[in-house]
Amino acid sequence: MVFDFLQSSLQLASVVIQLIVTTPTFFNVVFYGEFAICMVIRLLVYYWYANEIMLESINISTTVYECGWYDEPRKVKQMMVMVILRANKALGLDIGPFTTMTLNTFLGIIKTTYSYMMIMYR
């Protein structure tokens, strides 16, 4: 995921730069524009679902607590408490040792792409 993060930012920036720098023929605009839009949509799908995984994992402990587990036998209570304690830590898809995939990370990729684009265009 680390390489995908870096590669996506650089590739998206280079495609947008090519779109800006090359002569604006119909083929160039359609090809580079379509490629950039497909890259953004692909990244959005990855990071959207990674964010949903994290949000749903946070809701597990609340859902288990609200199911009425405290009326069950002692053994079930112990198991449910363990589930609640374990579910308090959010699950997430990691980008190497750096961070987890969320929509904020997606926005970071877009911002990094803009920064790369400004550096390459100058």
PDB file of N, CA and C in Angstrom:
ATOM      1  N   MET A   1       0.819  -1.181   0.000  1.00  0.00           N
ATOM      2  CA  MET A   1       0.000   0.000   0.000  1.00  0.00           C
ATOM      3  C   MET A   1       0.873   1.259   0.000  1.00  0.00           C
ATOM      4  N   VAL A   2       2.072   1.171   0.577  1.00  0.00           N
ATOM      5  CA  VAL A   2       2.966   2.338   0.567  1.00  0.00           C
ATOM      6  C   VAL A   2       3.333   2.701  -0.862  1.00  0.00           C
ATOM      7  N   PHE A   3       3.684   1.698  -1.630  1.00  0.00           N
ATOM      8  CA  PHE A   3       4.069   1.953  -3.011  1.00  0.00           C
ATOM      9  C   PHE A   3       2.880   2.435  -3.836  1.00  0.00           C
ATOM     10  N   ASP A   4       1.702   1.905  -3.537  1.00  0.00           N
ATOM     11  CA  ASP A   4       0.503   2.352  -4.241  1.00  0.00           C
ATOM     12  C   ASP A   4       0.221   3.813  -3.927  1.00  0.00           C
ATOM     13  N   PHE A   5       0.424   4.197  -2.669  1.00  0.00           N
ATOM     14  CA  PHE A   5       0.216   5.589  -2.247  1.00  0.00           C
ATOM     15  C   PHE A   5       1.144   6.522  -3.014  1.00  0.00           C
ATOM     16  N   LEU A   6       2.433   6.212  -3.037  1.00  0.00           N
ATOM     17  CA  LEU A   6       3.410   7.056  -3.728  1.00  0.00           C
ATOM     18  C   LEU A   6       3.225   7.012  -5.240  1.00  0.00           C
ATOM     19  N   GLN A   7       3.015   5.814  -5.763  1.00  0.00           N
ATOM     20  CA  GLN A   7       2.861   5.656  -7.199  1.00  0.00           C
ATOM     21  C   GLN A   7       1.621   6.375  -7.696  1.00  0.00           C
ATOM     22  N   SER A   8       0.543   6.298  -6.943  1.00  0.00           N
ATOM     23  CA  SER A   8      -0.703   6.941  -7.377  1.00  0.00           C
ATOM     24  C   SER A   8      -0.548   8.457  -7.415  1.00  0.00           C
ATOM     25  N   SER A   9       0.105   9.009  -6.410  1.00  0.00           N
ATOM     26  CA  SER A   9       0.301  10.457  -6.387  1.00  0.00           C
ATOM     27  C   SER A   9       1.149  10.928  -7.563  1.00  0.00           C
ATOM     28  N   LEU A  10       2.259  10.247  -7.796  1.00  0.00           N
ATOM     29  CA  LEU A  10       3.139  10.648  -8.890  1.00  0.00           C
ATOM     30  C   LEU A  10       2.494  10.410 -10.257  1.00  0.00           C
ATOM     31  N   GLN A  11       1.812   9.287 -10.405  1.00  0.00           N
ATOM     32  CA  GLN A  11       1.199   8.985 -11.694  1.00  0.00           C
ATOM     33  C   GLN A  11       0.071   9.962 -12.011  1.00  0.00           C
ATOM     34  N   LEU A  12      -0.743  10.258 -11.027  1.00  0.00           N
ATOM     35  CA  LEU A  12      -1.829  11.206 -11.240  1.00  0.00           C
ATOM     36  C   LEU A  12      -1.288  12.595 -11.561  1.00  0.00           C
ATOM     37  N   ALA A  13      -0.232  13.006 -10.855  1.00  0.00           N
ATOM     38  CA  ALA A  13       0.375  14.313 -11.131  1.00  0.00           C
ATOM     39  C   ALA A  13       0.970  14.357 -12.537  1.00  0.00           C
ATOM     40  N   SER A  14       1.648  13.284 -12.952  1.00  0.00           N
ATOM     41  CA  SER A  14       2.254  13.300 -14.284  1.00  0.00           C
ATOM     42  C   SER A  14       1.201  13.280 -15.382  1.00  0.00           C
ATOM     43  N   VAL A  15       0.092  12.610 -15.174  1.00  0.00           N
ATOM     44  CA  VAL A  15      -0.974  12.599 -16.180  1.00  0.00           C
ATOM     45  C   VAL A  15      -1.606  13.981 -16.302  1.00  0.00           C
ATOM     46  N   VAL A  16      -1.819  14.641 -15.177  1.00  0.00           N
ATOM     47  CA  VAL A  16      -2.404  15.982 -15.226  1.00  0.00           C
ATOM     48  C   VAL A  16      -1.427  16.956 -15.876  1.00  0.00           C
ATOM     49  N   ILE A  17      -0.141  16.818 -15.585  1.00  0.00           N
ATOM     50  CA  ILE A  17       0.870  17.668 -16.230  1.00  0.00           C
ATOM     51  C   ILE A  17       0.872  17.422 -17.737  1.00  0.00           C
ATOM     52  N   GLN A  18       0.791  16.166 -18.151  1.00  0.00           N
ATOM     53  CA  GLN A  18       0.743  15.874 -19.578  1.00  0.00           C
ATOM     54  C   GLN A  18      -0.505  16.485 -20.209  1.00  0.00           C
ATOM     55  N   LEU A  19      -1.586  16.474 -19.490  1.00  0.00           N
ATOM     56  CA  LEU A  19      -2.819  17.073 -19.990  1.00  0.00           C
ATOM     57  C   LEU A  19      -2.661  18.577 -20.167  1.00  0.00           C
ATOM     58  N   ILE A  20      -1.931  19.209 -19.263  1.00  0.00           N
ATOM     59  CA  ILE A  20      -1.740  20.662 -19.327  1.00  0.00           C
ATOM     60  C   ILE A  20      -0.698  21.046 -20.380  1.00  0.00           C
ATOM     61  N   VAL A  21       0.415  20.292 -20.436  1.00  0.00           N
ATOM     62  CA  VAL A  21       1.553  20.677 -21.260  1.00  0.00           C
ATOM     63  C   VAL A  21       1.381  20.318 -22.734  1.00  0.00           C
ATOM     64  N   THR A  22       0.790  19.179 -23.036  1.00  0.00           N
ATOM     65  CA  THR A  22       0.709  18.748 -24.434  1.00  0.00           C
ATOM     66  C   THR A  22      -0.264  19.616 -25.222  1.00  0.00           C
ATOM     67  N   THR A  23      -0.131  19.525 -26.520  1.00  0.00           N
ATOM     68  CA  THR A  23      -1.042  20.296 -27.377  1.00  0.00           C
ATOM     69  C   THR A  23      -2.464  19.779 -27.192  1.00  0.00           C
ATOM     70  N   PRO A  24      -3.407  20.673 -27.047  1.00  0.00           N
ATOM     71  CA  PRO A  24      -4.772  20.250 -26.709  1.00  0.00           C
ATOM     72  C   PRO A  24      -5.550  19.690 -27.896  1.00  0.00           C
ATOM     73  N   THR A  25      -5.154  18.507 -28.353  1.00  0.00           N
ATOM     74  CA  THR A  25      -5.946  17.843 -29.387  1.00  0.00           C
ATOM     75  C   THR A  25      -7.078  17.081 -28.698  1.00  0.00           C
ATOM     76  N   PHE A  26      -8.066  16.750 -29.468  1.00  0.00           N
ATOM     77  CA  PHE A  26      -9.219  16.040 -28.901  1.00  0.00           C
ATOM     78  C   PHE A  26      -8.796  14.704 -28.299  1.00  0.00           C
ATOM     79  N   PHE A  27      -7.923  13.986 -29.008  1.00  0.00           N
ATOM     80  CA  PHE A  27      -7.459  12.690 -28.517  1.00  0.00           C
ATOM     81  C   PHE A  27      -6.699  12.824 -27.200  1.00  0.00           C
ATOM     82  N   ASN A  28      -5.785  13.801 -27.111  1.00  0.00           N
ATOM     83  CA  ASN A  28      -5.018  14.001 -25.874  1.00  0.00           C
ATOM     84  C   ASN A  28      -5.919  14.340 -24.693  1.00  0.00           C
ATOM     85  N   VAL A  29      -6.848  15.240 -24.899  1.00  0.00           N
ATOM     86  CA  VAL A  29      -7.735  15.648 -23.810  1.00  0.00           C
ATOM     87  C   VAL A  29      -8.580  14.467 -23.340  1.00  0.00           C
ATOM     88  N   VAL A  30      -9.116  13.720 -24.296  1.00  0.00           N
ATOM     89  CA  VAL A  30      -9.957  12.574 -23.924  1.00  0.00           C
ATOM     90  C   VAL A  30      -9.120  11.500 -23.243  1.00  0.00           C
ATOM     91  N   PHE A  31      -7.976  11.155 -23.800  1.00  0.00           N
ATOM     92  CA  PHE A  31      -7.153  10.086 -23.244  1.00  0.00           C
ATOM     93  C   PHE A  31      -6.627  10.430 -21.856  1.00  0.00           C
ATOM     94  N   TYR A  32      -5.961  11.564 -21.722  1.00  0.00           N
ATOM     95  CA  TYR A  32      -5.386  11.927 -20.430  1.00  0.00           C
ATOM     96  C   TYR A  32      -6.466  12.254 -19.397  1.00  0.00           C
ATOM     97  N   GLY A  33      -7.525  12.911 -19.840  1.00  0.00           N
ATOM     98  CA  GLY A  33      -8.617  13.217 -18.927  1.00  0.00           C
ATOM     99  C   GLY A  33      -9.298  11.966 -18.416  1.00  0.00           C
ATOM    100  N   GLU A  34      -9.556  11.021 -19.308  1.00  0.00           N
ATOM    101  CA  GLU A  34     -10.180   9.760 -18.900  1.00  0.00           C
ATOM    102  C   GLU A  34      -9.271   8.988 -17.954  1.00  0.00           C
ATOM    103  N   PHE A  35      -7.982   8.967 -18.262  1.00  0.00           N
ATOM    104  CA  PHE A  35      -7.034   8.251 -17.400  1.00  0.00           C
ATOM    105  C   PHE A  35      -6.987   8.874 -16.009  1.00  0.00           C
ATOM    106  N   ALA A  36      -6.946  10.194 -15.930  1.00  0.00           N
ATOM    107  CA  ALA A  36      -6.911  10.874 -14.627  1.00  0.00           C
ATOM    108  C   ALA A  36      -8.202  10.620 -13.844  1.00  0.00           C
ATOM    109  N   ILE A  37      -9.326  10.678 -14.514  1.00  0.00           N
ATOM    110  CA  ILE A  37     -10.602  10.440 -13.834  1.00  0.00           C
ATOM    111  C   ILE A  37     -10.685   8.996 -13.343  1.00  0.00           C
ATOM    112  N   CYS A  38     -10.233   8.047 -14.156  1.00  0.00           N
ATOM    113  CA  CYS A  38     -10.234   6.640 -13.733  1.00  0.00           C
ATOM    114  C   CYS A  38      -9.317   6.415 -12.534  1.00  0.00           C
ATOM    115  N   MET A  39      -8.168   7.083 -12.526  1.00  0.00           N
ATOM    116  CA  MET A  39      -7.255   6.967 -11.375  1.00  0.00           C
ATOM    117  C   MET A  39      -7.902   7.499 -10.106  1.00  0.00           C
ATOM    118  N   VAL A  40      -8.548   8.648 -10.196  1.00  0.00           N
ATOM    119  CA  VAL A  40      -9.188   9.233  -9.022  1.00  0.00           C
ATOM    120  C   VAL A  40     -10.331   8.341  -8.540  1.00  0.00           C
ATOM    121  N   ILE A  41     -11.111   7.798  -9.450  1.00  0.00           N
ATOM    122  CA  ILE A  41     -12.221   6.920  -9.056  1.00  0.00           C
ATOM    123  C   ILE A  41     -11.694   5.640  -8.419  1.00  0.00           C
ATOM    124  N   ARG A  42     -10.621   5.068  -8.974  1.00  0.00           N
ATOM    125  CA  ARG A  42     -10.034   3.859  -8.394  1.00  0.00           C
ATOM    126  C   ARG A  42      -9.554   4.117  -6.968  1.00  0.00           C
ATOM    127  N   LEU A  43      -8.864   5.214  -6.787  1.00  0.00           N
ATOM    128  CA  LEU A  43      -8.394   5.557  -5.446  1.00  0.00           C
ATOM    129  C   LEU A  43      -9.556   5.823  -4.498  1.00  0.00           C
ATOM    130  N   LEU A  44     -10.570   6.518  -4.986  1.00  0.00           N
ATOM    131  CA  LEU A  44     -11.725   6.810  -4.157  1.00  0.00           C
ATOM    132  C   LEU A  44     -12.410   5.534  -3.704  1.00  0.00           C
ATOM    133  N   VAL A  45     -12.539   4.548  -4.583  1.00  0.00           N
ATOM    134  CA  VAL A  45     -13.165   3.280  -4.204  1.00  0.00           C
ATOM    135  C   VAL A  45     -12.338   2.578  -3.135  1.00  0.00           C
ATOM    136  N   TYR A  46     -11.027   2.492  -3.320  1.00  0.00           N
ATOM    137  CA  TYR A  46     -10.165   1.864  -2.319  1.00  0.00           C
ATOM    138  C   TYR A  46     -10.314   2.529  -0.949  1.00  0.00           C
ATOM    139  N   TYR A  47     -10.168   3.830  -0.944  1.00  0.00           N
ATOM    140  CA  TYR A  47     -10.145   4.547   0.326  1.00  0.00           C
ATOM    141  C   TYR A  47     -11.532   4.672   0.935  1.00  0.00           C
ATOM    142  N   TRP A  48     -12.574   4.711   0.115  1.00  0.00           N
ATOM    143  CA  TRP A  48     -13.942   4.754   0.640  1.00  0.00           C
ATOM    144  C   TRP A  48     -14.246   3.477   1.416  1.00  0.00           C
ATOM    145  N   TYR A  49     -13.973   2.322   0.815  1.00  0.00           N
ATOM    146  CA  TYR A  49     -14.275   1.069   1.489  1.00  0.00           C
ATOM    147  C   TYR A  49     -13.354   0.808   2.676  1.00  0.00           C
ATOM    148  N   ALA A  50     -12.121   1.241   2.599  1.00  0.00           N
ATOM    149  CA  ALA A  50     -11.233   1.130   3.761  1.00  0.00           C
ATOM    150  C   ALA A  50     -11.768   1.980   4.911  1.00  0.00           C
ATOM    151  N   ASN A  51     -12.294   3.154   4.605  1.00  0.00           N
ATOM    152  CA  ASN A  51     -12.892   4.008   5.625  1.00  0.00           C
ATOM    153  C   ASN A  51     -14.146   3.356   6.211  1.00  0.00           C
ATOM    154  N   GLU A  52     -14.954   2.712   5.367  1.00  0.00           N
ATOM    155  CA  GLU A  52     -16.159   2.031   5.837  1.00  0.00           C
ATOM    156  C   GLU A  52     -15.816   0.868   6.759  1.00  0.00           C
ATOM    157  N   ILE A  53     -14.747   0.129   6.454  1.00  0.00           N
ATOM    158  CA  ILE A  53     -14.296  -0.958   7.323  1.00  0.00           C
ATOM    159  C   ILE A  53     -13.957  -0.408   8.694  1.00  0.00           C
ATOM    160  N   MET A  54     -13.237   0.698   8.728  1.00  0.00           N
ATOM    161  CA  MET A  54     -12.862   1.287  10.002  1.00  0.00           C
ATOM    162  C   MET A  54     -14.093   1.746  10.781  1.00  0.00           C
ATOM    163  N   LEU A  55     -15.044   2.412  10.123  1.00  0.00           N
ATOM    164  CA  LEU A  55     -16.232   2.907  10.806  1.00  0.00           C
ATOM    165  C   LEU A  55     -17.107   1.768  11.320  1.00  0.00           C
ATOM    166  N   GLU A  56     -17.265   0.722  10.535  1.00  0.00           N
ATOM    167  CA  GLU A  56     -18.080  -0.412  10.973  1.00  0.00           C
ATOM    168  C   GLU A  56     -17.413  -1.167  12.114  1.00  0.00           C
ATOM    169  N   SER A  57     -16.094  -1.245  12.121  1.00  0.00           N
ATOM    170  CA  SER A  57     -15.417  -1.934  13.218  1.00  0.00           C
ATOM    171  C   SER A  57     -15.577  -1.169  14.528  1.00  0.00           C
ATOM    172  N   ILE A  58     -15.705   0.135  14.451  1.00  0.00           N
ATOM    173  CA  ILE A  58     -15.935   0.932  15.656  1.00  0.00           C
ATOM    174  C   ILE A  58     -17.344   0.675  16.194  1.00  0.00           C
ATOM    175  N   ASN A  59     -18.294   0.431  15.307  1.00  0.00           N
ATOM    176  CA  ASN A  59     -19.683   0.207  15.715  1.00  0.00           C
ATOM    177  C   ASN A  59     -19.925  -1.177  16.308  1.00  0.00           C
ATOM    178  N   ILE A  60     -18.989  -2.102  16.176  1.00  0.00           N
ATOM    179  CA  ILE A  60     -19.184  -3.459  16.686  1.00  0.00           C
ATOM    180  C   ILE A  60     -19.390  -3.452  18.189  1.00  0.00           C
ATOM    181  N   SER A  61     -18.541  -2.759  18.926  1.00  0.00           N
ATOM    182  CA  SER A  61     -18.662  -2.770  20.389  1.00  0.00           C
ATOM    183  C   SER A  61     -19.984  -2.163  20.841  1.00  0.00           C
ATOM    184  N   THR A  62     -20.432  -1.109  20.198  1.00  0.00           N
ATOM    185  CA  THR A  62     -21.714  -0.492  20.552  1.00  0.00           C
ATOM    186  C   THR A  62     -22.869  -1.442  20.266  1.00  0.00           C
ATOM    187  N   THR A  63     -22.820  -2.118  19.139  1.00  0.00           N
ATOM    188  CA  THR A  63     -23.884  -3.050  18.768  1.00  0.00           C
ATOM    189  C   THR A  63     -23.933  -4.242  19.726  1.00  0.00           C
ATOM    190  N   VAL A  64     -22.780  -4.770  20.089  1.00  0.00           N
ATOM    191  CA  VAL A  64     -22.745  -5.896  21.027  1.00  0.00           C
ATOM    192  C   VAL A  64     -23.266  -5.452  22.391  1.00  0.00           C
ATOM    193  N   TYR A  65     -22.906  -4.266  22.822  1.00  0.00           N
ATOM    194  CA  TYR A  65     -23.366  -3.784  24.123  1.00  0.00           C
ATOM    195  C   TYR A  65     -24.887  -3.626  24.150  1.00  0.00           C
ATOM    196  N   GLU A  66     -25.465  -3.204  23.052  1.00  0.00           N
ATOM    197  CA  GLU A  66     -26.905  -2.952  23.007  1.00  0.00           C
ATOM    198  C   GLU A  66     -27.744  -4.206  22.790  1.00  0.00           C
ATOM    199  N   CYS A  67     -27.130  -5.378  22.632  1.00  0.00           N
ATOM    200  CA  CYS A  67     -27.896  -6.587  22.324  1.00  0.00           C
ATOM    201  C   CYS A  67     -28.483  -7.271  23.549  1.00  0.00           C
ATOM    202  N   GLY A  68     -28.268  -6.785  24.733  1.00  0.00           N
ATOM    203  CA  GLY A  68     -28.838  -7.384  25.941  1.00  0.00           C
ATOM    204  C   GLY A  68     -28.014  -8.544  26.477  1.00  0.00           C
ATOM    205  N   TRP A  69     -26.722  -8.495  26.338  1.00  0.00           N
ATOM    206  CA  TRP A  69     -25.835  -9.565  26.768  1.00  0.00           C
ATOM    207  C   TRP A  69     -25.793  -9.719  28.288  1.00  0.00           C
ATOM    208  N   TYR A  70     -26.148  -8.677  29.004  1.00  0.00           N
ATOM    209  CA  TYR A  70     -26.063  -8.698  30.467  1.00  0.00           C
ATOM    210  C   TYR A  70     -27.148  -9.571  31.093  1.00  0.00           C
ATOM    211  N   ASP A  71     -28.136 -10.038  30.322  1.00  0.00           N
ATOM    212  CA  ASP A  71     -29.161 -10.954  30.824  1.00  0.00           C
ATOM    213  C   ASP A  71     -28.799 -12.410  30.587  1.00  0.00           C
ATOM    214  N   GLU A  72     -27.667 -12.667  30.011  1.00  0.00           N
ATOM    215  CA  GLU A  72     -27.233 -14.022  29.665  1.00  0.00           C
ATOM    216  C   GLU A  72     -26.461 -14.648  30.832  1.00  0.00           C
ATOM    217  N   PRO A  73     -26.161 -15.947  30.729  1.00  0.00           N
ATOM    218  CA  PRO A  73     -25.358 -16.614  31.771  1.00  0.00           C
ATOM    219  C   PRO A  73     -23.958 -16.009  31.893  1.00  0.00           C
ATOM    220  N   ARG A  74     -23.302 -16.319  32.981  1.00  0.00           N
ATOM    221  CA  ARG A  74     -22.003 -15.732  33.311  1.00  0.00           C
ATOM    222  C   ARG A  74     -20.956 -15.972  32.220  1.00  0.00           C
ATOM    223  N   LYS A  75     -20.915 -17.167  31.666  1.00  0.00           N
ATOM    224  CA  LYS A  75     -19.931 -17.496  30.626  1.00  0.00           C
ATOM    225  C   LYS A  75     -20.145 -16.624  29.382  1.00  0.00           C
ATOM    226  N   VAL A  76     -21.392 -16.417  28.991  1.00  0.00           N
ATOM    227  CA  VAL A  76     -21.693 -15.574  27.830  1.00  0.00           C
ATOM    228  C   VAL A  76     -21.312 -14.131  28.122  1.00  0.00           C
ATOM    229  N   LYS A  77     -21.564 -13.680  29.351  1.00  0.00           N
ATOM    230  CA  LYS A  77     -21.188 -12.318  29.740  1.00  0.00           C
ATOM    231  C   LYS A  77     -19.687 -12.105  29.593  1.00  0.00           C
ATOM    232  N   GLN A  78     -18.905 -13.092  30.044  1.00  0.00           N
ATOM    233  CA  GLN A  78     -17.448 -12.975  29.942  1.00  0.00           C
ATOM    234  C   GLN A  78     -16.993 -12.897  28.480  1.00  0.00           C
ATOM    235  N   MET A  79     -17.593 -13.727  27.652  1.00  0.00           N
ATOM    236  CA  MET A  79     -17.219 -13.711  26.234  1.00  0.00           C
ATOM    237  C   MET A  79     -17.616 -12.396  25.571  1.00  0.00           C
ATOM    238  N   MET A  80     -18.783 -11.895  25.925  1.00  0.00           N
ATOM    239  CA  MET A  80     -19.230 -10.636  25.320  1.00  0.00           C
ATOM    240  C   MET A  80     -18.385  -9.458  25.780  1.00  0.00           C
ATOM    241  N   VAL A  81     -17.959  -9.478  27.023  1.00  0.00           N
ATOM    242  CA  VAL A  81     -17.067  -8.425  27.515  1.00  0.00           C
ATOM    243  C   VAL A  81     -15.752  -8.469  26.751  1.00  0.00           C
ATOM    244  N   MET A  82     -15.253  -9.671  26.465  1.00  0.00           N
ATOM    245  CA  MET A  82     -14.017  -9.789  25.693  1.00  0.00           C
ATOM    246  C   MET A  82     -14.220  -9.255  24.268  1.00  0.00           C
ATOM    247  N   VAL A  83     -15.382  -9.539  23.675  1.00  0.00           N
ATOM    248  CA  VAL A  83     -15.673  -9.021  22.338  1.00  0.00           C
ATOM    249  C   VAL A  83     -15.725  -7.498  22.368  1.00  0.00           C
ATOM    250  N   ILE A  84     -16.381  -6.945  23.371  1.00  0.00           N
ATOM    251  CA  ILE A  84     -16.488  -5.488  23.484  1.00  0.00           C
ATOM    252  C   ILE A  84     -15.112  -4.851  23.669  1.00  0.00           C
ATOM    253  N   LEU A  85     -14.288  -5.443  24.520  1.00  0.00           N
ATOM    254  CA  LEU A  85     -12.946  -4.898  24.748  1.00  0.00           C
ATOM    255  C   LEU A  85     -12.100  -4.966  23.476  1.00  0.00           C
ATOM    256  N   ARG A  86     -12.187  -6.090  22.759  1.00  0.00           N
ATOM    257  CA  ARG A  86     -11.395  -6.226  21.531  1.00  0.00           C
ATOM    258  C   ARG A  86     -11.907  -5.288  20.436  1.00  0.00           C
ATOM    259  N   ALA A  87     -13.208  -5.077  20.395  1.00  0.00           N
ATOM    260  CA  ALA A  87     -13.786  -4.264  19.327  1.00  0.00           C
ATOM    261  C   ALA A  87     -13.589  -2.766  19.557  1.00  0.00           C
ATOM    262  N   ASN A  88     -13.079  -2.367  20.690  1.00  0.00           N
ATOM    263  CA  ASN A  88     -12.825  -0.943  20.923  1.00  0.00           C
ATOM    264  C   ASN A  88     -11.663  -0.422  20.082  1.00  0.00           C
ATOM    265  N   LYS A  89     -10.810  -1.318  19.631  1.00  0.00           N
ATOM    266  CA  LYS A  89      -9.706  -0.913  18.752  1.00  0.00           C
ATOM    267  C   LYS A  89     -10.196  -1.018  17.313  1.00  0.00           C
ATOM    268  N   ALA A  90     -10.114   0.066  16.587  1.00  0.00           N
ATOM    269  CA  ALA A  90     -10.626   0.108  15.217  1.00  0.00           C
ATOM    270  C   ALA A  90      -9.749  -0.711  14.278  1.00  0.00           C
ATOM    271  N   LEU A  91     -10.398  -1.430  13.388  1.00  0.00           N
ATOM    272  CA  LEU A  91      -9.694  -2.141  12.337  1.00  0.00           C
ATOM    273  C   LEU A  91      -9.444  -1.180  11.190  1.00  0.00           C
ATOM    274  N   GLY A  92      -8.440  -1.448  10.428  1.00  0.00           N
ATOM    275  CA  GLY A  92      -8.178  -0.588   9.284  1.00  0.00           C
ATOM    276  C   GLY A  92      -7.161  -1.213   8.362  1.00  0.00           C
ATOM    277  N   LEU A  93      -7.175  -0.800   7.133  1.00  0.00           N
ATOM    278  CA  LEU A  93      -6.175  -1.230   6.168  1.00  0.00           C
ATOM    279  C   LEU A  93      -5.003  -0.263   6.253  1.00  0.00           C
ATOM    280  N   ASP A  94      -3.824  -0.797   6.461  1.00  0.00           N
ATOM    281  CA  ASP A  94      -2.641   0.032   6.680  1.00  0.00           C
ATOM    282  C   ASP A  94      -1.917   0.337   5.378  1.00  0.00           C
ATOM    283  N   ILE A  95      -1.292   1.508   5.358  1.00  0.00           N
ATOM    284  CA  ILE A  95      -0.375   1.876   4.291  1.00  0.00           C
ATOM    285  C   ILE A  95       1.018   1.696   4.875  1.00  0.00           C
ATOM    286  N   GLY A  96       1.467   0.468   4.876  1.00  0.00           N
ATOM    287  CA  GLY A  96       2.753   0.146   5.472  1.00  0.00           C
ATOM    288  C   GLY A  96       2.754   0.518   6.950  1.00  0.00           C
ATOM    289  N   PRO A  97       3.877   0.952   7.471  1.00  0.00           N
ATOM    290  CA  PRO A  97       3.923   1.351   8.874  1.00  0.00           C
ATOM    291  C   PRO A  97       3.508   2.804   9.103  1.00  0.00           C
ATOM    292  N   PHE A  98       3.029   3.484   8.075  1.00  0.00           N
ATOM    293  CA  PHE A  98       2.803   4.912   8.160  1.00  0.00           C
ATOM    294  C   PHE A  98       1.435   5.294   8.699  1.00  0.00           C
ATOM    295  N   THR A  99       0.380   4.876   8.041  1.00  0.00           N
ATOM    296  CA  THR A  99      -0.961   5.305   8.430  1.00  0.00           C
ATOM    297  C   THR A  99      -1.978   4.306   7.907  1.00  0.00           C
ATOM    298  N   THR A 100      -3.234   4.541   8.220  1.00  0.00           N
ATOM    299  CA  THR A 100      -4.297   3.679   7.721  1.00  0.00           C
ATOM    300  C   THR A 100      -5.012   4.363   6.560  1.00  0.00           C
ATOM    301  N   MET A 101      -5.692   3.566   5.781  1.00  0.00           N
ATOM    302  CA  MET A 101      -6.422   4.089   4.630  1.00  0.00           C
ATOM    303  C   MET A 101      -7.759   4.656   5.110  1.00  0.00           C
ATOM    304  N   THR A 102      -7.944   5.948   4.941  1.00  0.00           N
ATOM    305  CA  THR A 102      -9.203   6.606   5.251  1.00  0.00           C
ATOM    306  C   THR A 102      -9.458   7.645   4.170  1.00  0.00           C
ATOM    307  N   LEU A 103     -10.594   8.298   4.263  1.00  0.00           N
ATOM    308  CA  LEU A 103     -10.870   9.355   3.295  1.00  0.00           C
ATOM    309  C   LEU A 103      -9.932  10.537   3.482  1.00  0.00           C
ATOM    310  N   ASN A 104      -9.454  10.752   4.707  1.00  0.00           N
ATOM    311  CA  ASN A 104      -8.462  11.815   4.925  1.00  0.00           C
ATOM    312  C   ASN A 104      -7.153  11.496   4.205  1.00  0.00           C
ATOM    313  N   THR A 105      -6.790  10.222   4.165  1.00  0.00           N
ATOM    314  CA  THR A 105      -5.595   9.824   3.437  1.00  0.00           C
ATOM    315  C   THR A 105      -5.792  10.035   1.937  1.00  0.00           C
ATOM    316  N   PHE A 106      -7.003   9.756   1.442  1.00  0.00           N
ATOM    317  CA  PHE A 106      -7.316  10.009   0.036  1.00  0.00           C
ATOM    318  C   PHE A 106      -7.152  11.490  -0.286  1.00  0.00           C
ATOM    319  N   LEU A 107      -7.646  12.340   0.593  1.00  0.00           N
ATOM    320  CA  LEU A 107      -7.470  13.777   0.387  1.00  0.00           C
ATOM    321  C   LEU A 107      -5.996  14.154   0.427  1.00  0.00           C
ATOM    322  N   GLY A 108      -5.228  13.458   1.265  1.00  0.00           N
ATOM    323  CA  GLY A 108      -3.782  13.676   1.289  1.00  0.00           C
ATOM    324  C   GLY A 108      -3.128  13.327  -0.037  1.00  0.00           C
ATOM    325  N   ILE A 109      -3.609  12.251  -0.679  1.00  0.00           N
ATOM    326  CA  ILE A 109      -3.081  11.879  -1.997  1.00  0.00           C
ATOM    327  C   ILE A 109      -3.397  12.968  -3.008  1.00  0.00           C
ATOM    328  N   ILE A 110      -4.609  13.481  -2.968  1.00  0.00           N
ATOM    329  CA  ILE A 110      -4.993  14.540  -3.907  1.00  0.00           C
ATOM    330  C   ILE A 110      -4.147  15.793  -3.666  1.00  0.00           C
ATOM    331  N   LYS A 111      -3.925  16.138  -2.400  1.00  0.00           N
ATOM    332  CA  LYS A 111      -3.095  17.305  -2.080  1.00  0.00           C
ATOM    333  C   LYS A 111      -1.646  17.079  -2.513  1.00  0.00           C
ATOM    334  N   THR A 112      -1.140  15.851  -2.290  1.00  0.00           N
ATOM    335  CA  THR A 112       0.224  15.534  -2.702  1.00  0.00           C
ATOM    336  C   THR A 112       0.351  15.572  -4.219  1.00  0.00           C
ATOM    337  N   THR A 113      -0.677  15.096  -4.899  1.00  0.00           N
ATOM    338  CA  THR A 113      -0.688  15.157  -6.356  1.00  0.00           C
ATOM    339  C   THR A 113      -0.597  16.600  -6.826  1.00  0.00           C
ATOM    340  N   TYR A 114      -1.348  17.465  -6.198  1.00  0.00           N
ATOM    341  CA  TYR A 114      -1.308  18.888  -6.555  1.00  0.00           C
ATOM    342  C   TYR A 114       0.090  19.461  -6.301  1.00  0.00           C
ATOM    343  N   SER A 115       0.699  19.094  -5.177  1.00  0.00           N
ATOM    344  CA  SER A 115       2.047  19.582  -4.872  1.00  0.00           C
ATOM    345  C   SER A 115       3.056  19.090  -5.906  1.00  0.00           C
ATOM    346  N   TYR A 116       3.009  17.789  -6.240  1.00  0.00           N
ATOM    347  CA  TYR A 116       3.907  17.246  -7.261  1.00  0.00           C
ATOM    348  C   TYR A 116       3.693  17.951  -8.597  1.00  0.00           C
ATOM    349  N   MET A 117       2.423  18.190  -8.913  1.00  0.00           N
ATOM    350  CA  MET A 117       2.101  18.830 -10.177  1.00  0.00           C
ATOM    351  C   MET A 117       2.683  20.234 -10.235  1.00  0.00           C
ATOM    352  N   MET A 118       2.593  20.983  -9.166  1.00  0.00           N
ATOM    353  CA  MET A 118       3.129  22.345  -9.133  1.00  0.00           C
ATOM    354  C   MET A 118       4.654  22.331  -9.225  1.00  0.00           C
ATOM    355  N   ILE A 119       5.288  21.342  -8.593  1.00  0.00           N
ATOM    356  CA  ILE A 119       6.750  21.253  -8.658  1.00  0.00           C
ATOM    357  C   ILE A 119       7.193  20.872 -10.073  1.00  0.00           C
ATOM    358  N   MET A 120       6.501  19.919 -10.699  1.00  0.00           N
ATOM    359  CA  MET A 120       6.884  19.486 -12.039  1.00  0.00           C
ATOM    360  C   MET A 120       6.568  20.547 -13.092  1.00  0.00           C
ATOM    361  N   TYR A 121       5.522  21.294 -12.886  1.00  0.00           N
ATOM    362  CA  TYR A 121       5.097  22.270 -13.887  1.00  0.00           C
ATOM    363  C   TYR A 121       5.984  23.498 -13.903  1.00  0.00           C
ATOM    364  N   ARG A 122       6.562  23.819 -12.758  1.00  0.00           N
ATOM    365  CA  ARG A 122       7.438  25.001 -12.677  1.00  0.00           C
ATOM    366  C   ARG A 122       8.618  24.759 -13.499  1.00  0.00           C
TER     367      ARG A 122
END
